[in-house]
Every structure is written in C-alpha cells, then in structure tokens.
Amino acid sequence: MARKLKDALELGRREIISLVGGGGKTTLLYWLAEELRQQGVILTTSTKMWYPPPAVPLILWQDPEQVKIELKARLAAGQTPLLAAADLPQLEKVAGLNQEQLRELAGWGLPATIVIEADGAKGRPLKGYRDFEPVLTPTTSLLLQVVGADAIGQRLSDRFAHCPEKIAAGAGLQMGAPLDTPSLAAALLYPHRSWEKVLPGVRKIAVVNKVDLLDDITPAQDLARKLLESGYFAKALLTGQEGYFSSPALFLSLA
C-alpha cells in the first residue's frame, strides 16, 4: 500500500505522540522517525527503552540549555535524535524523561514532532496495566495504542500478554481465556476510562500491528472495527512488514 504512516495518522505540525500497548511500539517509533526525518522529529521515552541504533544519536538530559542547543543542531542536520534522562548500561537501555522534563521539552517549541514510547510490554503482543502504567504526559496530542495481531486466537497468559492478570481483572476475563475478537477488544479497551482522566479529549488511534503474520487478515479487520465501535478511537490502522527486506507497510486504514 502506497500511503505512508504519517499520512494515515493525519499529523498536524509539532504533534506530541505517545505510544502505548504491545506488539511493536519501538518499530513504529523508528518507522515514524524515518518518515518524519525531513520535517523534524525527536524521539524519547517516559519509561525505559533499548539503546537506539547507531544512526540515531543519543542525547542525555543534563543541562537543559545545552540539550536544547544540541537538539536544534541535530534537527538542522536532518538527524532523528533520541533524548533520554540517563544511560543504563547494565540493562543496555536508557531511562525515560520525567514529567517535568517532558513538559519543558514540549515548551521549547522546537520545529519537530515528538514521539514518546510511554509503555513497556516485554516483547508481548498484548499489555495489561499496573497502577502506574502507562506513563502518559498531559502534553500528548495523539495517543497510539498498539497490539500485535499475533495475539489473535491465543490464550490470555504470560506468553502472549504482559501482566495478563491485570487484563483479566480489568476486562472481566478468565486467565487462559481464548483471545477472540470480543475478548481482545475488551482487553484493549478496559484502561481507557482512566486514560481519559489524564488525556481528556486527546485523539486516539488503534494500531493492529504484525498483520503480515496472519494467513487471513479478516480477524484483524474485525478487531479494528470492534475498537472503532467503542467510540474511543478516531481511526484504526492495520500495519506489518512487507516484502523480502521487511520494510514497514500500512495494510489498511479504517475510520
């Protein structure tokens, strides 16, 4: 499909995008970074994330004025910097910005979209939420909730979900329950009432990722339609990898 992800998201100028859920947030973050490179993009996290690839310069928050100068220089050079609070070499990760730092970053008004990885799912396609998760910043203008299509038809367990017991309690499911379309939709929708308190009126888009792993994408389409019916989402996207070189692809956009 020829359309770019940034076009499907209908991004405005200087959006602040928060990514939550499981099943490919980091992939989407770097996908957006590549598409938005020429317009300016700053990557960051409010939790922890793996070290960036070599092509993505890492900037650590120390002196704010110096950080601002370096970000401007990286953006002017057409780079996609990742801004973090600290290096965590023992984990091969970086620590995320706190709320005060995220507010300050947003307030600088740099000519860039800010993309925040606001959640961690330990590589599972589905995510349940503890009381302190996800780490959302009120400056968010677009929330992307991601789920891996490889969760469809599986069972609610630690193998396919991070914190499955939280999903069971929040969505009214039993541990081990099959994740058919209604159950998976319930698993994705249950935290939205609490999110609305932090992000009232913020635009939300559901992303069903990794649909390339499915022999038939009909269940993914059904899930996307179910999520749209909830009224929480402005749009739902089906995404995955396409072709021999595994380039990201937008398969379908529903609104």
C-alpha atoms as a PDB file:
ATOM      1  CA  MET A   1       0.000   0.000   0.000  1.00  0.00           C
ATOM      2  CA  ALA A   2       1.498   3.308  -1.069  1.00  0.00           C
ATOM      3  CA  ARG A   3       0.257   5.520   1.755  1.00  0.00           C
ATOM      4  CA  LYS A   4       2.715   6.484   4.426  1.00  0.00           C
ATOM      5  CA  LEU A   5       2.073   6.006   8.122  1.00  0.00           C
ATOM      6  CA  LYS A   6       2.412   9.744   8.769  1.00  0.00           C
ATOM      7  CA  ASP A   7      -0.324  10.412   6.200  1.00  0.00           C
ATOM      8  CA  ALA A   8      -2.644   7.794   7.662  1.00  0.00           C
ATOM      9  CA  LEU A   9      -2.195   9.389  11.100  1.00  0.00           C
ATOM     10  CA  GLU A  10      -3.109  12.800   9.632  1.00  0.00           C
ATOM     11  CA  LEU A  11      -0.431  14.501  11.678  1.00  0.00           C
ATOM     12  CA  GLY A  12      -0.508  18.201  12.363  1.00  0.00           C
ATOM     13  CA  ARG A  13       2.537  20.383  12.968  1.00  0.00           C
ATOM     14  CA  ARG A  14       4.557  19.680  16.109  1.00  0.00           C
ATOM     15  CA  GLU A  15       2.407  16.820  17.352  1.00  0.00           C
ATOM     16  CA  ILE A  16       3.347  15.040  20.577  1.00  0.00           C
ATOM     17  CA  ILE A  17       2.665  11.337  20.027  1.00  0.00           C
ATOM     18  CA  SER A  18       2.593   8.787  22.859  1.00  0.00           C
ATOM     19  CA  LEU A  19       2.856   5.070  22.023  1.00  0.00           C
ATOM     20  CA  VAL A  20       1.324   2.524  24.406  1.00  0.00           C
ATOM     21  CA  GLY A  21       0.491  -1.191  24.308  1.00  0.00           C
ATOM     22  CA  GLY A  22       2.434  -4.151  22.942  1.00  0.00           C
ATOM     23  CA  GLY A  23       3.327  -5.747  19.648  1.00  0.00           C
ATOM     24  CA  GLY A  24       5.684  -3.263  18.035  1.00  0.00           C
ATOM     25  CA  LYS A  25       5.789   0.191  19.648  1.00  0.00           C
ATOM     26  CA  THR A  26       9.525   0.583  19.105  1.00  0.00           C
ATOM     27  CA  THR A  27       9.230  -0.469  15.465  1.00  0.00           C
ATOM     28  CA  LEU A  28       6.512   2.135  14.937  1.00  0.00           C
ATOM     29  CA  LEU A  29       8.590   4.774  16.731  1.00  0.00           C
ATOM     30  CA  TYR A  30      11.517   4.296  14.343  1.00  0.00           C
ATOM     31  CA  TRP A  31       9.167   3.986  11.367  1.00  0.00           C
ATOM     32  CA  LEU A  32       7.757   7.406  12.214  1.00  0.00           C
ATOM     33  CA  ALA A  33      11.265   8.742  12.778  1.00  0.00           C
ATOM     34  CA  GLU A  34      12.280   7.793   9.242  1.00  0.00           C
ATOM     35  CA  GLU A  35       9.131   9.228   7.648  1.00  0.00           C
ATOM     36  CA  LEU A  36       9.336  12.485   9.615  1.00  0.00           C
ATOM     37  CA  ARG A  37      13.093  12.982   9.313  1.00  0.00           C
ATOM     38  CA  GLN A  38      12.879  15.869   6.847  1.00  0.00           C
ATOM     39  CA  GLN A  39      10.178  17.661   8.853  1.00  0.00           C
ATOM     40  CA  GLY A  40      11.970  17.201  12.178  1.00  0.00           C
ATOM     41  CA  VAL A  41      11.368  14.555  14.830  1.00  0.00           C
ATOM     42  CA  ILE A  42      12.595  13.993  18.381  1.00  0.00           C
ATOM     43  CA  LEU A  43      12.327  10.535  19.944  1.00  0.00           C
ATOM     44  CA  THR A  44      12.106   9.912  23.674  1.00  0.00           C
ATOM     45  CA  THR A  45      10.574   7.677  26.326  1.00  0.00           C
ATOM     46  CA  SER A  46       8.782   8.153  29.634  1.00  0.00           C
ATOM     47  CA  THR A  47       9.794   4.673  30.866  1.00  0.00           C
ATOM     48  CA  LYS A  48      12.843   2.748  29.643  1.00  0.00           C
ATOM     49  CA  MET A  49      13.818   1.609  26.175  1.00  0.00           C
ATOM     50  CA  TRP A  50      16.633  -0.222  24.426  1.00  0.00           C
ATOM     51  CA  TYR A  51      19.643   1.667  23.140  1.00  0.00           C
ATOM     52  CA  PRO A  52      18.906   3.294  19.777  1.00  0.00           C
ATOM     53  CA  PRO A  53      20.535   2.022  16.558  1.00  0.00           C
ATOM     54  CA  PRO A  54      23.795   3.700  15.503  1.00  0.00           C
ATOM     55  CA  ALA A  55      22.069   6.043  13.042  1.00  0.00           C
ATOM     56  CA  VAL A  56      20.031   7.593  15.884  1.00  0.00           C
ATOM     57  CA  PRO A  57      22.118   9.962  18.043  1.00  0.00           C
ATOM     58  CA  LEU A  58      21.522   9.600  21.780  1.00  0.00           C
ATOM     59  CA  ILE A  59      21.316  12.797  23.825  1.00  0.00           C
ATOM     60  CA  LEU A  60      21.241  12.600  27.621  1.00  0.00           C
ATOM     61  CA  TRP A  61      19.399  15.254  29.629  1.00  0.00           C
ATOM     62  CA  GLN A  62      21.936  17.171  31.655  1.00  0.00           C
ATOM     63  CA  ASP A  63      21.976  20.954  31.315  1.00  0.00           C
ATOM     64  CA  PRO A  64      18.622  21.875  29.674  1.00  0.00           C
ATOM     65  CA  GLU A  65      20.041  24.784  27.676  1.00  0.00           C
ATOM     66  CA  GLN A  66      22.794  22.583  26.288  1.00  0.00           C
ATOM     67  CA  VAL A  67      20.229  19.883  25.462  1.00  0.00           C
ATOM     68  CA  LYS A  68      18.167  22.427  23.537  1.00  0.00           C
ATOM     69  CA  ILE A  69      21.220  23.584  21.568  1.00  0.00           C
ATOM     70  CA  GLU A  70      22.182  20.018  20.683  1.00  0.00           C
ATOM     71  CA  LEU A  71      18.648  19.094  19.640  1.00  0.00           C
ATOM     72  CA  LYS A  72      18.489  22.117  17.329  1.00  0.00           C
ATOM     73  CA  ALA A  73      21.815  21.144  15.769  1.00  0.00           C
ATOM     74  CA  ARG A  74      20.763  17.514  15.235  1.00  0.00           C
ATOM     75  CA  LEU A  75      17.462  18.568  13.696  1.00  0.00           C
ATOM     76  CA  ALA A  76      19.192  21.050  11.396  1.00  0.00           C
ATOM     77  CA  ALA A  77      21.463  18.200  10.237  1.00  0.00           C
ATOM     78  CA  GLY A  78      18.431  16.065   9.325  1.00  0.00           C
ATOM     79  CA  GLN A  79      19.009  13.596  12.146  1.00  0.00           C
ATOM     80  CA  THR A  80      16.470  11.901  14.427  1.00  0.00           C
ATOM     81  CA  PRO A  81      17.821  12.272  17.976  1.00  0.00           C
ATOM     82  CA  LEU A  82      16.651  10.197  20.911  1.00  0.00           C
ATOM     83  CA  LEU A  83      16.527  12.159  24.166  1.00  0.00           C
ATOM     84  CA  ALA A  84      16.779  10.245  27.452  1.00  0.00           C
ATOM     85  CA  ALA A  85      17.324  11.065  31.106  1.00  0.00           C
ATOM     86  CA  ALA A  86      20.193   8.650  31.755  1.00  0.00           C
ATOM     87  CA  ASP A  87      22.221   5.765  30.407  1.00  0.00           C
ATOM     88  CA  LEU A  88      21.543   2.334  31.966  1.00  0.00           C
ATOM     89  CA  PRO A  89      24.487   0.323  30.589  1.00  0.00           C
ATOM     90  CA  GLN A  90      23.834  -2.692  32.809  1.00  0.00           C
ATOM     91  CA  LEU A  91      20.456  -3.096  31.101  1.00  0.00           C
ATOM     92  CA  GLU A  92      21.558  -1.841  27.661  1.00  0.00           C
ATOM     93  CA  LYS A  93      18.722   0.642  27.988  1.00  0.00           C
ATOM     94  CA  VAL A  94      18.120   4.325  28.592  1.00  0.00           C
ATOM     95  CA  ALA A  95      15.929   5.851  31.280  1.00  0.00           C
ATOM     96  CA  GLY A  96      12.995   7.991  30.273  1.00  0.00           C
ATOM     97  CA  LEU A  97      12.295  11.651  30.903  1.00  0.00           C
ATOM     98  CA  ASN A  98      10.179  12.607  33.889  1.00  0.00           C
ATOM     99  CA  GLN A  99       7.023  14.698  33.580  1.00  0.00           C
ATOM    100  CA  GLU A 100       8.795  17.976  34.296  1.00  0.00           C
ATOM    101  CA  GLN A 101      11.378  17.278  31.583  1.00  0.00           C
ATOM    102  CA  LEU A 102       8.682  16.279  29.086  1.00  0.00           C
ATOM    103  CA  ARG A 103       6.772  19.497  29.783  1.00  0.00           C
ATOM    104  CA  GLU A 104       9.963  21.513  29.353  1.00  0.00           C
ATOM    105  CA  LEU A 105      10.771  19.754  26.077  1.00  0.00           C
ATOM    106  CA  ALA A 106       7.266  20.482  24.762  1.00  0.00           C
ATOM    107  CA  GLY A 107       7.546  24.106  25.867  1.00  0.00           C
ATOM    108  CA  TRP A 108      10.681  24.775  23.821  1.00  0.00           C
ATOM    109  CA  GLY A 109       8.598  24.797  20.650  1.00  0.00           C
ATOM    110  CA  LEU A 110      11.282  23.131  18.546  1.00  0.00           C
ATOM    111  CA  PRO A 111      10.378  22.531  14.872  1.00  0.00           C
ATOM    112  CA  ALA A 112       9.764  18.816  15.370  1.00  0.00           C
ATOM    113  CA  THR A 113       7.214  16.146  16.121  1.00  0.00           C
ATOM    114  CA  ILE A 114       7.923  14.472  19.469  1.00  0.00           C
ATOM    115  CA  VAL A 115       7.381  10.700  19.612  1.00  0.00           C
ATOM    116  CA  ILE A 116       7.293   9.131  23.098  1.00  0.00           C
ATOM    117  CA  GLU A 117       7.485   5.446  23.936  1.00  0.00           C
ATOM    118  CA  ALA A 118       5.265   5.574  27.024  1.00  0.00           C
ATOM    119  CA  ASP A 119       4.972   1.896  27.845  1.00  0.00           C
ATOM    120  CA  GLY A 120       6.822  -1.397  28.004  1.00  0.00           C
ATOM    121  CA  ALA A 121       5.427  -4.849  27.251  1.00  0.00           C
ATOM    122  CA  LYS A 122       8.498  -7.130  27.440  1.00  0.00           C
ATOM    123  CA  GLY A 123       8.049  -8.123  23.812  1.00  0.00           C
ATOM    124  CA  ARG A 124       4.494  -9.437  24.254  1.00  0.00           C
ATOM    125  CA  PRO A 125       1.797  -8.527  21.714  1.00  0.00           C
ATOM    126  CA  LEU A 126      -0.679  -7.507  24.443  1.00  0.00           C
ATOM    127  CA  LYS A 127      -0.257  -5.338  27.526  1.00  0.00           C
ATOM    128  CA  GLY A 128      -2.014  -5.198  30.894  1.00  0.00           C
ATOM    129  CA  TYR A 129      -1.531  -2.159  33.112  1.00  0.00           C
ATOM    130  CA  ARG A 130      -0.344  -1.752  36.664  1.00  0.00           C
ATOM    131  CA  ASP A 131      -1.481   1.315  38.601  1.00  0.00           C
ATOM    132  CA  PHE A 132       1.470   3.444  37.457  1.00  0.00           C
ATOM    133  CA  GLU A 133       1.237   2.453  33.782  1.00  0.00           C
ATOM    134  CA  PRO A 134       1.375   3.718  31.119  1.00  0.00           C
ATOM    135  CA  VAL A 135       3.417   6.834  31.893  1.00  0.00           C
ATOM    136  CA  LEU A 136       1.375   9.385  29.965  1.00  0.00           C
ATOM    137  CA  THR A 137       2.253  13.056  29.682  1.00  0.00           C
ATOM    138  CA  PRO A 138      -0.622  15.568  29.556  1.00  0.00           C
ATOM    139  CA  THR A 139       1.121  17.354  26.666  1.00  0.00           C
ATOM    140  CA  THR A 140       0.251  14.388  24.397  1.00  0.00           C
ATOM    141  CA  SER A 141      -1.750  15.384  21.319  1.00  0.00           C
ATOM    142  CA  LEU A 142      -2.090  11.879  19.787  1.00  0.00           C
ATOM    143  CA  LEU A 143      -2.209   8.512  21.558  1.00  0.00           C
ATOM    144  CA  LEU A 144      -1.377   5.380  19.550  1.00  0.00           C
ATOM    145  CA  GLN A 145      -2.459   2.125  21.209  1.00  0.00           C
ATOM    146  CA  VAL A 146      -0.639  -0.809  19.634  1.00  0.00           C
ATOM    147  CA  VAL A 147      -1.480  -4.513  19.725  1.00  0.00           C
ATOM    148  CA  GLY A 148       0.201  -7.399  17.933  1.00  0.00           C
ATOM    149  CA  ALA A 149      -2.068  -9.346  15.592  1.00  0.00           C
ATOM    150  CA  ASP A 150      -0.233 -12.481  16.716  1.00  0.00           C
ATOM    151  CA  ALA A 151      -2.304 -12.314  19.928  1.00  0.00           C
ATOM    152  CA  ILE A 152      -5.488 -13.079  17.979  1.00  0.00           C
ATOM    153  CA  GLY A 153      -6.710 -16.609  18.709  1.00  0.00           C
ATOM    154  CA  GLN A 154      -4.185 -17.203  21.505  1.00  0.00           C
ATOM    155  CA  ARG A 155      -4.997 -17.575  25.190  1.00  0.00           C
ATOM    156  CA  LEU A 156      -4.675 -14.981  27.925  1.00  0.00           C
ATOM    157  CA  SER A 157      -1.379 -15.923  29.558  1.00  0.00           C
ATOM    158  CA  ASP A 158       2.072 -14.594  30.304  1.00  0.00           C
ATOM    159  CA  ARG A 159       3.261 -15.982  26.978  1.00  0.00           C
ATOM    160  CA  PHE A 160       1.166 -13.539  24.965  1.00  0.00           C
ATOM    161  CA  ALA A 161       0.456 -10.718  27.429  1.00  0.00           C
ATOM    162  CA  HIS A 162       2.480  -8.640  29.846  1.00  0.00           C
ATOM    163  CA  CYS A 163       0.620  -8.547  33.180  1.00  0.00           C
ATOM    164  CA  PRO A 164      -2.209 -10.835  31.982  1.00  0.00           C
ATOM    165  CA  GLU A 165      -3.734 -10.857  35.468  1.00  0.00           C
ATOM    166  CA  LYS A 166      -4.383  -7.110  35.131  1.00  0.00           C
ATOM    167  CA  ILE A 167      -6.177  -7.727  31.839  1.00  0.00           C
ATOM    168  CA  ALA A 168      -8.257 -10.483  33.428  1.00  0.00           C
ATOM    169  CA  ALA A 169      -9.303  -8.239  36.300  1.00  0.00           C
ATOM    170  CA  GLY A 170      -9.876  -5.119  34.208  1.00  0.00           C
ATOM    171  CA  ALA A 171     -11.645  -6.720  31.247  1.00  0.00           C
ATOM    172  CA  GLY A 172     -13.618  -9.381  33.146  1.00  0.00           C
ATOM    173  CA  LEU A 173     -11.802 -12.298  31.501  1.00  0.00           C
ATOM    174  CA  GLN A 174     -10.542 -15.578  32.910  1.00  0.00           C
ATOM    175  CA  MET A 175      -6.879 -16.458  32.806  1.00  0.00           C
ATOM    176  CA  GLY A 176      -6.406 -18.832  29.896  1.00  0.00           C
ATOM    177  CA  ALA A 177      -9.461 -17.466  28.074  1.00  0.00           C
ATOM    178  CA  PRO A 178      -9.211 -17.557  24.258  1.00  0.00           C
ATOM    179  CA  LEU A 179      -8.432 -14.150  22.803  1.00  0.00           C
ATOM    180  CA  ASP A 180     -11.129 -13.970  20.164  1.00  0.00           C
ATOM    181  CA  THR A 181     -12.160 -10.591  18.751  1.00  0.00           C
ATOM    182  CA  PRO A 182     -14.579  -9.583  21.571  1.00  0.00           C
ATOM    183  CA  SER A 183     -12.144 -10.680  24.311  1.00  0.00           C
ATOM    184  CA  LEU A 184      -9.182  -8.961  22.713  1.00  0.00           C
ATOM    185  CA  ALA A 185     -11.190  -5.781  22.216  1.00  0.00           C
ATOM    186  CA  ALA A 186     -12.181  -5.859  25.896  1.00  0.00           C
ATOM    187  CA  ALA A 187      -8.533  -6.348  26.854  1.00  0.00           C
ATOM    188  CA  LEU A 188      -7.593  -3.239  24.884  1.00  0.00           C
ATOM    189  CA  LEU A 189     -10.485  -1.027  25.954  1.00  0.00           C
ATOM    190  CA  TYR A 190     -10.661  -1.514  29.724  1.00  0.00           C
ATOM    191  CA  PRO A 191      -7.997   1.109  30.661  1.00  0.00           C
ATOM    192  CA  HIS A 192      -9.472   3.924  28.581  1.00  0.00           C
ATOM    193  CA  ARG A 193     -11.647   5.420  31.309  1.00  0.00           C
ATOM    194  CA  SER A 194      -8.599   6.060  33.474  1.00  0.00           C
ATOM    195  CA  TRP A 195      -6.620   7.354  30.475  1.00  0.00           C
ATOM    196  CA  GLU A 196      -9.368   9.875  29.742  1.00  0.00           C
ATOM    197  CA  LYS A 197      -8.658  11.487  33.124  1.00  0.00           C
ATOM    198  CA  VAL A 198      -5.059  12.164  32.082  1.00  0.00           C
ATOM    199  CA  LEU A 199      -5.707  12.879  28.392  1.00  0.00           C
ATOM    200  CA  PRO A 200      -9.232  14.306  28.132  1.00  0.00           C
ATOM    201  CA  GLY A 201     -10.311  14.711  24.534  1.00  0.00           C
ATOM    202  CA  VAL A 202      -6.954  13.627  23.074  1.00  0.00           C
ATOM    203  CA  ARG A 203      -7.175  11.968  19.654  1.00  0.00           C
ATOM    204  CA  LYS A 204      -6.583   8.210  19.795  1.00  0.00           C
ATOM    205  CA  ILE A 205      -5.727   5.755  17.025  1.00  0.00           C
ATOM    206  CA  ALA A 206      -5.590   1.974  17.367  1.00  0.00           C
ATOM    207  CA  VAL A 207      -2.791   0.147  15.550  1.00  0.00           C
ATOM    208  CA  VAL A 208      -3.160  -3.594  14.927  1.00  0.00           C
ATOM    209  CA  ASN A 209       0.417  -4.461  14.026  1.00  0.00           C
ATOM    210  CA  LYS A 210       2.112  -7.545  12.576  1.00  0.00           C
ATOM    211  CA  VAL A 211      -0.854  -8.469  10.380  1.00  0.00           C
ATOM    212  CA  ASP A 212       1.697  -9.947   7.976  1.00  0.00           C
ATOM    213  CA  LEU A 213       1.925 -12.902  10.390  1.00  0.00           C
ATOM    214  CA  LEU A 214      -1.707 -13.837   9.710  1.00  0.00           C
ATOM    215  CA  ASP A 215      -2.775 -16.156   6.892  1.00  0.00           C
ATOM    216  CA  ASP A 216      -6.063 -14.253   6.782  1.00  0.00           C
ATOM    217  CA  ILE A 217      -6.312 -10.635   7.968  1.00  0.00           C
ATOM    218  CA  THR A 218     -10.097 -10.806   8.441  1.00  0.00           C
ATOM    219  CA  PRO A 219      -9.828 -11.269  12.253  1.00  0.00           C
ATOM    220  CA  ALA A 220      -7.546  -8.219  12.433  1.00  0.00           C
ATOM    221  CA  GLN A 221     -10.068  -6.218  10.417  1.00  0.00           C
ATOM    222  CA  ASP A 222     -12.856  -7.397  12.729  1.00  0.00           C
ATOM    223  CA  LEU A 223     -10.815  -6.325  15.765  1.00  0.00           C
ATOM    224  CA  ALA A 224     -10.153  -2.909  14.245  1.00  0.00           C
ATOM    225  CA  ARG A 225     -13.868  -2.406  13.562  1.00  0.00           C
ATOM    226  CA  LYS A 226     -14.740  -3.517  17.096  1.00  0.00           C
ATOM    227  CA  LEU A 227     -12.330  -0.964  18.529  1.00  0.00           C
ATOM    228  CA  LEU A 228     -13.787   1.791  16.337  1.00  0.00           C
ATOM    229  CA  GLU A 229     -17.291   0.896  17.534  1.00  0.00           C
ATOM    230  CA  SER A 230     -16.220   1.686  21.112  1.00  0.00           C
ATOM    231  CA  GLY A 231     -16.072   5.393  20.277  1.00  0.00           C
ATOM    232  CA  TYR A 232     -12.641   5.818  21.859  1.00  0.00           C
ATOM    233  CA  PHE A 233     -10.712   5.811  18.589  1.00  0.00           C
ATOM    234  CA  ALA A 234     -10.781   8.233  15.676  1.00  0.00           C
ATOM    235  CA  LYS A 235      -9.229   5.616  13.412  1.00  0.00           C
ATOM    236  CA  ALA A 236      -7.767   2.094  13.352  1.00  0.00           C
ATOM    237  CA  LEU A 237      -4.751   1.020  11.273  1.00  0.00           C
ATOM    238  CA  LEU A 238      -3.525  -2.414  10.221  1.00  0.00           C
ATOM    239  CA  THR A 239       0.254  -2.487   9.847  1.00  0.00           C
ATOM    240  CA  GLY A 240       3.044  -5.008   9.399  1.00  0.00           C
ATOM    241  CA  GLN A 241       6.164  -5.886   7.464  1.00  0.00           C
ATOM    242  CA  GLU A 242       6.113  -6.287   3.718  1.00  0.00           C
ATOM    243  CA  GLY A 243       8.498  -7.812   1.220  1.00  0.00           C
ATOM    244  CA  TYR A 244      11.830  -9.555   1.326  1.00  0.00           C
ATOM    245  CA  PHE A 245      13.565  -6.687   3.106  1.00  0.00           C
ATOM    246  CA  SER A 246      10.877  -6.485   5.816  1.00  0.00           C
ATOM    247  CA  SER A 247      10.034  -2.857   5.172  1.00  0.00           C
ATOM    248  CA  PRO A 248       7.123  -1.496   7.270  1.00  0.00           C
ATOM    249  CA  ALA A 249       3.821  -1.265   5.453  1.00  0.00           C
ATOM    250  CA  LEU A 250       0.376   0.166   6.063  1.00  0.00           C
ATOM    251  CA  PHE A 251      -2.125  -2.520   5.046  1.00  0.00           C
ATOM    252  CA  LEU A 252      -5.426  -0.857   5.857  1.00  0.00           C
ATOM    253  CA  SER A 253      -6.857   2.290   7.424  1.00  0.00           C
ATOM    254  CA  LEU A 254     -10.356   2.307   8.890  1.00  0.00           C
ATOM    255  CA  ALA A 255     -12.251   5.313  10.217  1.00  0.00           C
END
